[in-house]
Structures are given as C-alpha cells and as structure tokens.
Amino acid sequence: PDPWNLYDLVCRNIDYRRDIGEFWAFPSEVLASGTGDCEDTSNLLTSLLCCGGVNAYTAIGDYQGYGHAWVDRGGQIYETTYIQARPVPDPEHYTPYCLFNDREMMELWPGALGEVFELRRNEGVKLNLMAEAIGNEVPPECPSCWPFLVFGMVMGGILGTGFAMILQKGE
C-alpha cells in the first residue's frame, strides 16, 4: 500500500474528537466510530501501515509544550489530526519521547515515558497551534466541529470492521 494514501485515508475519514480523560481506543474502534483523538488516529495509521509491511511508529511526545501523538515513518511526521494528508510545516515543534508499534516500544531516553504524562493537555489550544501552522483557524470552543458529514457505512471494511465514510463539505 502507498503510505501517503493511507495517511490521507485516515485524515479524510476519521473525525477528530477529544477524550474525556485519557482513553485510548483500539484501531477497530476508531474505524467503527469514525472518530478519535490524536493517539487514536495515530495508532490507527500505524496499524494500517504496519499491516501493509511499512515500518512506522506511533510517537508520543510534545507539540509546542502540549502532549500529543503522531506517526513517525523513518523521521517523516504524519499528523493524523489534519483533515487531509499534507506535509507538516513545523517539524521542529514535534519532540518525540516514545515510539511504539505492535512489535516494540522505545523510550528515547530513560524516564521519557513518565515525562509524557507531565505534559500539558489542552486540545483546543493545541489544535489552534497546528491550524495556525497550516494557515487555518480551528474555533477554540469547538475543536471537533470541522465540517464533516457522515455519508454512510461500508460493512466489513479495513481490518474486518465497519468503516464510516466521512465526506468533507465543500469538496
């Protein structure tokens, strides 16, 4: 599979929803619901890439002082909270602490995993920082209200689960 196409598939078809607390969903749950936050969508893309034989990791770490997750593919950042696949314009603001996939977990220095849980968490501010980096504004009062419309459900889909197809308004 083409990694960029899988990246775009996740960005366009999974609606960003922030957690209440910190709940990590399985990739099949993200596909079935069509929603997830940064670690949910990152774990989904990492799973899809690894199932396709592509070496990739979910990275958890810091984005401009806030806890965040993204996909690392050989040093290339795949930001799964975007609404379409695009290069990250500010890779210098992403600091990974730990990388993991279904085969291994790496702390990038001793104690890094513990430090992840000390990072600030404010989804609205974090999403606005990312939106500013790509030239868009996400309303801070509603970071999950990007213009998506549920179009339908394809049963059986990827990884043997239902897959919600989301259609972006205006395209």
N, C-alpha and C. Protein backbone atom coordinates (compact mmCIF):
# COMPACT_ATOMS: atom_id res chain seq x y z
N PRO A 1 0.83 -1.21 0.00
CA PRO A 1 0.00 0.00 0.00
C PRO A 1 0.86 1.26 0.00
N ASP A 2 0.34 2.30 -0.57
CA ASP A 2 1.03 3.58 -0.59
C ASP A 2 0.83 4.28 0.76
N PRO A 3 1.92 4.54 1.50
CA PRO A 3 1.78 5.16 2.82
C PRO A 3 1.05 6.50 2.79
N TRP A 4 1.31 7.32 1.77
CA TRP A 4 0.67 8.63 1.70
C TRP A 4 -0.85 8.48 1.52
N ASN A 5 -1.27 7.51 0.72
CA ASN A 5 -2.71 7.28 0.53
C ASN A 5 -3.38 6.81 1.82
N LEU A 6 -2.69 5.96 2.59
CA LEU A 6 -3.25 5.53 3.88
C LEU A 6 -3.33 6.71 4.85
N TYR A 7 -2.31 7.56 4.85
CA TYR A 7 -2.32 8.77 5.67
C TYR A 7 -3.52 9.64 5.30
N ASP A 8 -3.73 9.86 4.02
CA ASP A 8 -4.85 10.68 3.55
C ASP A 8 -6.19 10.03 3.91
N LEU A 9 -6.26 8.71 3.80
CA LEU A 9 -7.49 8.00 4.14
C LEU A 9 -7.89 8.26 5.60
N VAL A 10 -6.92 8.17 6.51
CA VAL A 10 -7.21 8.42 7.93
C VAL A 10 -7.60 9.89 8.14
N CYS A 11 -6.84 10.81 7.57
CA CYS A 11 -7.14 12.24 7.75
C CYS A 11 -8.54 12.61 7.25
N ARG A 12 -8.90 12.11 6.10
CA ARG A 12 -10.19 12.49 5.50
C ARG A 12 -11.39 11.75 6.08
N ASN A 13 -11.17 10.60 6.68
CA ASN A 13 -12.30 9.75 7.06
C ASN A 13 -12.51 9.56 8.55
N ILE A 14 -11.61 10.06 9.37
CA ILE A 14 -11.79 9.95 10.82
C ILE A 14 -11.89 11.36 11.39
N ASP A 15 -13.02 11.65 12.01
CA ASP A 15 -13.30 12.96 12.59
C ASP A 15 -12.58 13.09 13.93
N TYR A 16 -11.94 14.23 14.15
CA TYR A 16 -11.26 14.45 15.42
C TYR A 16 -12.28 14.64 16.54
N ARG A 17 -12.12 13.90 17.60
CA ARG A 17 -12.93 14.05 18.82
C ARG A 17 -11.99 13.95 20.01
N ARG A 18 -12.05 14.93 20.87
CA ARG A 18 -11.20 14.85 22.05
C ARG A 18 -11.81 13.91 23.08
N ASP A 19 -10.92 13.37 23.94
CA ASP A 19 -11.33 12.46 25.00
C ASP A 19 -11.85 13.23 26.20
N ILE A 20 -12.66 12.55 26.99
CA ILE A 20 -12.92 12.98 28.36
C ILE A 20 -12.00 12.11 29.19
N GLY A 21 -11.04 12.70 29.83
CA GLY A 21 -9.99 11.91 30.46
C GLY A 21 -9.00 11.50 29.38
N GLU A 22 -8.41 10.35 29.51
CA GLU A 22 -7.46 9.87 28.51
C GLU A 22 -7.74 8.41 28.23
N PHE A 23 -8.55 8.15 27.24
CA PHE A 23 -8.95 6.81 26.84
C PHE A 23 -8.36 6.51 25.48
N TRP A 24 -7.60 5.43 25.36
CA TRP A 24 -7.01 5.05 24.09
C TRP A 24 -7.87 3.98 23.44
N ALA A 25 -8.40 4.28 22.27
CA ALA A 25 -9.26 3.35 21.55
C ALA A 25 -8.41 2.42 20.67
N PHE A 26 -8.91 1.20 20.46
CA PHE A 26 -8.29 0.28 19.52
C PHE A 26 -8.55 0.78 18.10
N PRO A 27 -7.64 0.47 17.14
CA PRO A 27 -7.88 0.89 15.75
C PRO A 27 -9.25 0.46 15.22
N SER A 28 -9.70 -0.74 15.56
CA SER A 28 -11.01 -1.19 15.09
C SER A 28 -12.14 -0.33 15.66
N GLU A 29 -11.98 0.17 16.89
CA GLU A 29 -12.99 1.05 17.49
C GLU A 29 -13.02 2.40 16.79
N VAL A 30 -11.84 2.89 16.41
CA VAL A 30 -11.75 4.17 15.70
C VAL A 30 -12.42 4.04 14.33
N LEU A 31 -12.17 2.94 13.65
CA LEU A 31 -12.81 2.71 12.35
C LEU A 31 -14.32 2.61 12.49
N ALA A 32 -14.78 1.87 13.49
CA ALA A 32 -16.22 1.67 13.67
C ALA A 32 -16.93 2.97 14.02
N SER A 33 -16.30 3.81 14.85
CA SER A 33 -16.95 5.06 15.28
C SER A 33 -16.71 6.19 14.29
N GLY A 34 -15.62 6.12 13.53
CA GLY A 34 -15.26 7.20 12.61
C GLY A 34 -14.72 8.42 13.33
N THR A 35 -14.35 8.25 14.61
CA THR A 35 -13.83 9.37 15.40
C THR A 35 -12.66 8.92 16.27
N GLY A 36 -11.85 9.87 16.66
CA GLY A 36 -10.75 9.60 17.59
C GLY A 36 -9.94 10.85 17.80
N ASP A 37 -9.14 10.84 18.86
CA ASP A 37 -8.23 11.97 19.08
C ASP A 37 -6.85 11.62 18.53
N CYS A 38 -5.84 12.40 18.89
CA CYS A 38 -4.54 12.25 18.23
C CYS A 38 -3.92 10.87 18.39
N GLU A 39 -3.97 10.29 19.60
CA GLU A 39 -3.36 8.97 19.73
C GLU A 39 -4.20 7.89 19.07
N ASP A 40 -5.52 8.06 19.05
CA ASP A 40 -6.39 7.08 18.38
C ASP A 40 -6.12 7.04 16.88
N THR A 41 -6.07 8.21 16.24
CA THR A 41 -5.84 8.25 14.79
C THR A 41 -4.41 7.85 14.45
N SER A 42 -3.47 8.20 15.32
CA SER A 42 -2.07 7.79 15.09
C SER A 42 -1.92 6.29 15.20
N ASN A 43 -2.54 5.68 16.22
CA ASN A 43 -2.47 4.22 16.35
C ASN A 43 -3.14 3.53 15.17
N LEU A 44 -4.24 4.09 14.68
CA LEU A 44 -4.90 3.52 13.50
C LEU A 44 -3.97 3.55 12.30
N LEU A 45 -3.37 4.70 12.00
CA LEU A 45 -2.49 4.79 10.84
C LEU A 45 -1.27 3.90 11.02
N THR A 46 -0.68 3.88 12.21
CA THR A 46 0.46 2.99 12.45
C THR A 46 0.07 1.54 12.19
N SER A 47 -1.10 1.15 12.66
CA SER A 47 -1.59 -0.22 12.44
C SER A 47 -1.77 -0.52 10.96
N LEU A 48 -2.39 0.40 10.23
CA LEU A 48 -2.60 0.20 8.79
C LEU A 48 -1.27 0.08 8.05
N LEU A 49 -0.33 0.97 8.38
CA LEU A 49 0.97 0.94 7.72
C LEU A 49 1.71 -0.37 8.03
N CYS A 50 1.75 -0.75 9.31
CA CYS A 50 2.45 -1.98 9.69
C CYS A 50 1.81 -3.21 9.07
N CYS A 51 0.48 -3.25 9.01
CA CYS A 51 -0.21 -4.38 8.36
C CYS A 51 0.15 -4.46 6.89
N GLY A 52 0.48 -3.33 6.29
CA GLY A 52 0.87 -3.29 4.89
C GLY A 52 2.37 -3.48 4.68
N GLY A 53 3.09 -3.81 5.75
CA GLY A 53 4.53 -4.05 5.63
C GLY A 53 5.39 -2.80 5.67
N VAL A 54 4.81 -1.67 6.04
CA VAL A 54 5.54 -0.40 6.11
C VAL A 54 5.99 -0.18 7.55
N ASN A 55 7.27 0.10 7.76
CA ASN A 55 7.79 0.34 9.10
C ASN A 55 7.34 1.72 9.59
N ALA A 56 6.57 1.75 10.67
CA ALA A 56 6.05 3.01 11.22
C ALA A 56 5.84 2.85 12.71
N TYR A 57 5.79 4.00 13.41
CA TYR A 57 5.59 4.02 14.85
C TYR A 57 4.62 5.13 15.22
N THR A 58 3.86 4.90 16.27
CA THR A 58 3.14 6.00 16.91
C THR A 58 4.15 6.69 17.81
N ALA A 59 4.25 7.99 17.66
CA ALA A 59 5.13 8.80 18.52
C ALA A 59 4.25 9.52 19.54
N ILE A 60 4.66 9.47 20.79
CA ILE A 60 4.00 10.30 21.79
C ILE A 60 5.06 11.24 22.35
N GLY A 61 4.66 12.49 22.50
CA GLY A 61 5.62 13.47 22.94
C GLY A 61 5.02 14.84 23.05
N ASP A 62 5.79 15.83 22.66
CA ASP A 62 5.49 17.22 22.88
C ASP A 62 5.27 17.94 21.55
N TYR A 63 4.20 18.70 21.46
CA TYR A 63 4.00 19.63 20.35
C TYR A 63 3.79 21.00 20.98
N GLN A 64 4.79 21.86 20.87
CA GLN A 64 4.76 23.22 21.42
C GLN A 64 4.32 23.24 22.88
N GLY A 65 4.83 22.30 23.66
CA GLY A 65 4.56 22.28 25.09
C GLY A 65 3.34 21.48 25.50
N TYR A 66 2.65 20.86 24.56
CA TYR A 66 1.45 20.08 24.86
C TYR A 66 1.66 18.62 24.50
N GLY A 67 1.07 17.72 25.30
CA GLY A 67 1.13 16.30 24.99
C GLY A 67 0.43 16.03 23.67
N HIS A 68 1.04 15.20 22.83
CA HIS A 68 0.49 14.96 21.51
C HIS A 68 0.97 13.60 21.00
N ALA A 69 0.30 13.08 19.99
CA ALA A 69 0.70 11.84 19.32
C ALA A 69 0.63 12.06 17.81
N TRP A 70 1.52 11.41 17.09
CA TRP A 70 1.57 11.47 15.63
C TRP A 70 2.24 10.19 15.15
N VAL A 71 2.35 10.02 13.85
CA VAL A 71 3.00 8.83 13.29
C VAL A 71 4.38 9.24 12.78
N ASP A 72 5.37 8.41 13.12
CA ASP A 72 6.73 8.60 12.64
C ASP A 72 7.04 7.47 11.67
N ARG A 73 7.40 7.86 10.47
CA ARG A 73 7.80 6.89 9.44
C ARG A 73 9.19 7.27 8.96
N GLY A 74 10.18 6.71 9.61
CA GLY A 74 11.57 7.00 9.24
C GLY A 74 11.93 8.46 9.37
N GLY A 75 11.41 9.12 10.40
CA GLY A 75 11.68 10.54 10.62
C GLY A 75 10.67 11.46 9.97
N GLN A 76 9.82 10.94 9.12
CA GLN A 76 8.76 11.75 8.50
C GLN A 76 7.54 11.76 9.42
N ILE A 77 7.00 12.95 9.68
CA ILE A 77 5.85 13.11 10.57
C ILE A 77 4.57 13.06 9.77
N TYR A 78 3.66 12.18 10.18
CA TYR A 78 2.30 12.13 9.63
C TYR A 78 1.37 12.62 10.73
N GLU A 79 0.83 13.82 10.56
CA GLU A 79 -0.05 14.47 11.53
C GLU A 79 -1.49 14.07 11.23
N THR A 80 -2.00 13.09 11.97
CA THR A 80 -3.30 12.50 11.66
C THR A 80 -4.49 13.33 12.11
N THR A 81 -4.26 14.47 12.75
CA THR A 81 -5.39 15.34 13.12
C THR A 81 -5.74 16.32 12.00
N TYR A 82 -4.95 16.34 10.93
CA TYR A 82 -5.29 17.17 9.77
C TYR A 82 -6.52 16.60 9.06
N ILE A 83 -7.18 17.43 8.23
CA ILE A 83 -8.36 16.94 7.50
C ILE A 83 -7.99 16.37 6.13
N GLN A 84 -6.72 16.44 5.78
CA GLN A 84 -6.20 15.78 4.58
C GLN A 84 -4.70 15.60 4.77
N ALA A 85 -4.13 14.66 4.07
CA ALA A 85 -2.69 14.42 4.17
C ALA A 85 -1.94 15.63 3.64
N ARG A 86 -0.96 16.05 4.38
CA ARG A 86 -0.11 17.16 3.97
C ARG A 86 1.17 17.11 4.78
N PRO A 87 2.26 17.63 4.21
CA PRO A 87 3.50 17.69 4.99
C PRO A 87 3.31 18.61 6.20
N VAL A 88 3.99 18.29 7.27
CA VAL A 88 3.94 19.12 8.47
C VAL A 88 4.84 20.33 8.23
N PRO A 89 4.30 21.57 8.36
CA PRO A 89 5.09 22.75 8.08
C PRO A 89 6.07 23.13 9.18
N ASP A 90 5.91 22.54 10.37
CA ASP A 90 6.74 22.94 11.51
C ASP A 90 7.29 21.73 12.26
N PRO A 91 8.04 20.84 11.58
CA PRO A 91 8.51 19.62 12.25
C PRO A 91 9.39 19.91 13.46
N GLU A 92 10.00 21.07 13.51
CA GLU A 92 10.86 21.42 14.64
C GLU A 92 10.08 21.53 15.95
N HIS A 93 8.75 21.66 15.89
CA HIS A 93 7.94 21.77 17.10
C HIS A 93 7.47 20.41 17.63
N TYR A 94 7.80 19.33 16.95
CA TYR A 94 7.42 17.98 17.38
C TYR A 94 8.62 17.33 18.06
N THR A 95 8.46 16.97 19.33
CA THR A 95 9.53 16.33 20.08
C THR A 95 9.04 14.97 20.58
N PRO A 96 9.46 13.88 19.94
CA PRO A 96 9.01 12.56 20.40
C PRO A 96 9.72 12.17 21.70
N TYR A 97 8.97 11.52 22.58
CA TYR A 97 9.52 10.97 23.82
C TYR A 97 9.61 9.45 23.71
N CYS A 98 8.57 8.85 23.12
CA CYS A 98 8.49 7.39 22.98
C CYS A 98 7.92 7.05 21.60
N LEU A 99 8.37 5.93 21.06
CA LEU A 99 7.86 5.41 19.80
C LEU A 99 7.41 3.98 20.03
N PHE A 100 6.27 3.60 19.45
CA PHE A 100 5.83 2.22 19.60
C PHE A 100 4.98 1.80 18.41
N ASN A 101 4.94 0.49 18.21
CA ASN A 101 4.01 -0.13 17.27
C ASN A 101 3.63 -1.49 17.85
N ASP A 102 3.13 -2.38 17.04
CA ASP A 102 2.68 -3.67 17.57
C ASP A 102 3.83 -4.60 17.92
N ARG A 103 5.07 -4.24 17.60
CA ARG A 103 6.21 -5.11 17.85
C ARG A 103 7.16 -4.61 18.92
N GLU A 104 7.25 -3.30 19.08
CA GLU A 104 8.24 -2.77 20.03
C GLU A 104 7.83 -1.40 20.56
N MET A 105 8.46 -1.05 21.69
CA MET A 105 8.26 0.25 22.32
C MET A 105 9.63 0.78 22.70
N MET A 106 9.91 2.03 22.33
CA MET A 106 11.20 2.63 22.62
C MET A 106 11.03 3.94 23.37
N GLU A 107 11.64 4.03 24.55
CA GLU A 107 11.77 5.32 25.22
C GLU A 107 13.00 5.97 24.60
N LEU A 108 12.92 7.23 24.23
CA LEU A 108 14.05 7.87 23.56
C LEU A 108 15.12 8.32 24.54
N TRP A 109 14.84 8.28 25.83
CA TRP A 109 15.81 8.44 26.90
C TRP A 109 15.21 7.81 28.15
N PRO A 110 16.03 7.42 29.11
CA PRO A 110 15.48 6.81 30.33
C PRO A 110 14.51 7.76 31.04
N GLY A 111 13.33 7.27 31.34
CA GLY A 111 12.32 8.07 32.03
C GLY A 111 11.42 8.88 31.12
N ALA A 112 11.60 8.77 29.81
CA ALA A 112 10.81 9.58 28.87
C ALA A 112 9.32 9.29 28.98
N LEU A 113 8.95 8.03 29.15
CA LEU A 113 7.53 7.68 29.23
C LEU A 113 6.86 8.38 30.41
N GLY A 114 7.52 8.43 31.54
CA GLY A 114 6.98 9.14 32.69
C GLY A 114 6.79 10.62 32.42
N GLU A 115 7.72 11.21 31.67
CA GLU A 115 7.63 12.64 31.35
C GLU A 115 6.46 12.97 30.44
N VAL A 116 6.04 12.02 29.60
CA VAL A 116 4.90 12.25 28.71
C VAL A 116 3.68 12.65 29.52
N PHE A 117 3.48 12.00 30.65
CA PHE A 117 2.28 12.24 31.45
C PHE A 117 2.34 13.53 32.25
N GLU A 118 3.48 14.22 32.20
CA GLU A 118 3.61 15.52 32.85
C GLU A 118 3.35 16.68 31.89
N LEU A 119 3.19 16.39 30.60
CA LEU A 119 2.97 17.44 29.60
C LEU A 119 1.58 18.04 29.76
N ARG A 120 1.46 19.32 29.41
CA ARG A 120 0.17 20.00 29.48
C ARG A 120 -0.79 19.38 28.48
N ARG A 121 -2.09 19.49 28.78
CA ARG A 121 -3.12 18.93 27.90
C ARG A 121 -4.23 19.96 27.73
N ASN A 122 -4.31 20.54 26.55
CA ASN A 122 -5.39 21.47 26.22
C ASN A 122 -5.63 21.32 24.72
N GLU A 123 -6.61 20.49 24.38
CA GLU A 123 -6.84 20.14 22.98
C GLU A 123 -7.16 21.35 22.11
N GLY A 124 -7.96 22.29 22.61
CA GLY A 124 -8.32 23.46 21.82
C GLY A 124 -7.10 24.29 21.45
N VAL A 125 -6.25 24.58 22.43
CA VAL A 125 -5.04 25.36 22.18
C VAL A 125 -4.11 24.61 21.24
N LYS A 126 -3.91 23.32 21.50
CA LYS A 126 -3.00 22.52 20.66
C LYS A 126 -3.48 22.50 19.21
N LEU A 127 -4.79 22.29 19.00
CA LEU A 127 -5.31 22.25 17.64
C LEU A 127 -5.20 23.61 16.95
N ASN A 128 -5.39 24.69 17.70
CA ASN A 128 -5.21 26.01 17.11
C ASN A 128 -3.76 26.25 16.71
N LEU A 129 -2.80 25.78 17.51
CA LEU A 129 -1.39 25.91 17.14
C LEU A 129 -1.11 25.19 15.83
N MET A 130 -1.67 23.98 15.67
CA MET A 130 -1.47 23.23 14.43
C MET A 130 -2.19 23.91 13.27
N ALA A 131 -3.39 24.44 13.52
CA ALA A 131 -4.14 25.12 12.46
C ALA A 131 -3.40 26.37 12.00
N GLU A 132 -2.82 27.11 12.93
CA GLU A 132 -2.05 28.30 12.56
C GLU A 132 -0.84 27.91 11.71
N ALA A 133 -0.22 26.78 12.02
CA ALA A 133 0.94 26.33 11.26
C ALA A 133 0.58 26.05 9.81
N ILE A 134 -0.67 25.63 9.55
CA ILE A 134 -1.07 25.35 8.17
C ILE A 134 -1.97 26.44 7.60
N GLY A 135 -2.18 27.53 8.36
CA GLY A 135 -2.90 28.67 7.83
C GLY A 135 -4.40 28.63 7.97
N ASN A 136 -4.94 27.83 8.86
CA ASN A 136 -6.38 27.76 9.11
C ASN A 136 -6.65 28.05 10.57
N GLU A 137 -7.87 28.33 10.90
CA GLU A 137 -8.25 28.58 12.29
C GLU A 137 -9.28 27.55 12.73
N VAL A 138 -9.03 26.88 13.82
CA VAL A 138 -9.98 25.96 14.42
C VAL A 138 -10.60 26.68 15.60
N PRO A 139 -11.92 26.83 15.66
CA PRO A 139 -12.53 27.53 16.79
C PRO A 139 -12.15 26.87 18.11
N PRO A 140 -11.58 27.62 19.08
CA PRO A 140 -11.14 27.00 20.33
C PRO A 140 -12.29 26.40 21.13
N GLU A 141 -13.50 26.92 20.97
CA GLU A 141 -14.62 26.39 21.72
C GLU A 141 -15.16 25.09 21.13
N CYS A 142 -14.71 24.74 19.93
CA CYS A 142 -15.26 23.54 19.29
C CYS A 142 -14.24 22.91 18.36
N PRO A 143 -13.10 22.37 18.90
CA PRO A 143 -12.08 21.82 18.01
C PRO A 143 -12.53 20.60 17.23
N SER A 144 -13.63 19.98 17.61
CA SER A 144 -14.06 18.79 16.88
C SER A 144 -15.18 19.08 15.91
N CYS A 145 -15.47 20.37 15.63
CA CYS A 145 -16.61 20.67 14.77
C CYS A 145 -16.18 20.99 13.35
N TRP A 146 -15.09 20.40 12.88
CA TRP A 146 -14.70 20.60 11.50
C TRP A 146 -15.83 20.12 10.60
N PRO A 147 -15.94 20.66 9.40
CA PRO A 147 -17.12 20.41 8.55
C PRO A 147 -17.17 19.02 7.92
N PHE A 148 -17.60 18.06 8.69
CA PHE A 148 -17.74 16.70 8.17
C PHE A 148 -19.21 16.32 8.16
N LEU A 149 -19.56 15.48 7.22
CA LEU A 149 -20.92 14.98 7.10
C LEU A 149 -20.84 13.47 6.94
N VAL A 150 -21.52 12.74 7.80
CA VAL A 150 -21.50 11.29 7.68
C VAL A 150 -22.24 10.91 6.41
N PHE A 151 -21.60 10.15 5.55
CA PHE A 151 -22.17 9.79 4.27
C PHE A 151 -22.72 8.37 4.27
N GLY A 152 -22.10 7.49 5.00
CA GLY A 152 -22.59 6.12 5.00
C GLY A 152 -21.67 5.19 5.74
N MET A 153 -21.97 3.92 5.66
CA MET A 153 -21.19 2.91 6.36
C MET A 153 -20.91 1.77 5.39
N VAL A 154 -19.67 1.38 5.30
CA VAL A 154 -19.29 0.23 4.49
C VAL A 154 -18.97 -0.90 5.46
N MET A 155 -19.72 -1.96 5.41
CA MET A 155 -19.52 -3.06 6.36
C MET A 155 -18.37 -3.96 5.89
N GLY A 156 -17.66 -4.50 6.83
CA GLY A 156 -16.59 -5.43 6.51
C GLY A 156 -15.25 -4.76 6.34
N GLY A 157 -15.15 -3.61 5.84
CA GLY A 157 -14.02 -2.76 5.52
C GLY A 157 -12.66 -3.17 6.06
N ILE A 158 -11.87 -2.18 6.32
CA ILE A 158 -10.48 -2.36 6.72
C ILE A 158 -10.41 -3.05 8.08
N LEU A 159 -9.50 -3.98 8.22
CA LEU A 159 -9.26 -4.74 9.45
C LEU A 159 -10.50 -5.49 9.92
N GLY A 160 -11.42 -5.79 9.00
CA GLY A 160 -12.58 -6.59 9.34
C GLY A 160 -13.63 -5.88 10.16
N THR A 161 -13.62 -4.54 10.16
CA THR A 161 -14.61 -3.80 10.93
C THR A 161 -15.40 -2.91 9.98
N GLY A 162 -16.47 -2.33 10.47
CA GLY A 162 -17.19 -1.33 9.68
C GLY A 162 -16.33 -0.08 9.58
N PHE A 163 -16.48 0.65 8.50
CA PHE A 163 -15.68 1.85 8.30
C PHE A 163 -16.60 2.99 7.91
N ALA A 164 -16.67 4.02 8.73
CA ALA A 164 -17.53 5.16 8.43
C ALA A 164 -16.86 6.03 7.39
N MET A 165 -17.55 6.26 6.30
CA MET A 165 -17.03 7.17 5.28
C MET A 165 -17.54 8.56 5.62
N ILE A 166 -16.64 9.49 5.69
CA ILE A 166 -16.98 10.86 6.02
C ILE A 166 -16.69 11.71 4.78
N LEU A 167 -17.59 12.58 4.46
CA LEU A 167 -17.45 13.43 3.29
C LEU A 167 -17.25 14.85 3.77
N GLN A 168 -16.16 15.48 3.37
CA GLN A 168 -15.93 16.85 3.78
C GLN A 168 -16.82 17.77 2.95
N LYS A 169 -17.54 18.66 3.62
CA LYS A 169 -18.40 19.61 2.91
C LYS A 169 -17.54 20.51 2.04
N GLY A 170 -18.06 20.88 0.92
CA GLY A 170 -17.37 21.83 0.05
C GLY A 170 -16.44 21.18 -0.96
N GLU A 171 -16.28 19.88 -0.95
CA GLU A 171 -15.40 19.24 -1.93
C GLU A 171 -16.22 18.60 -3.01
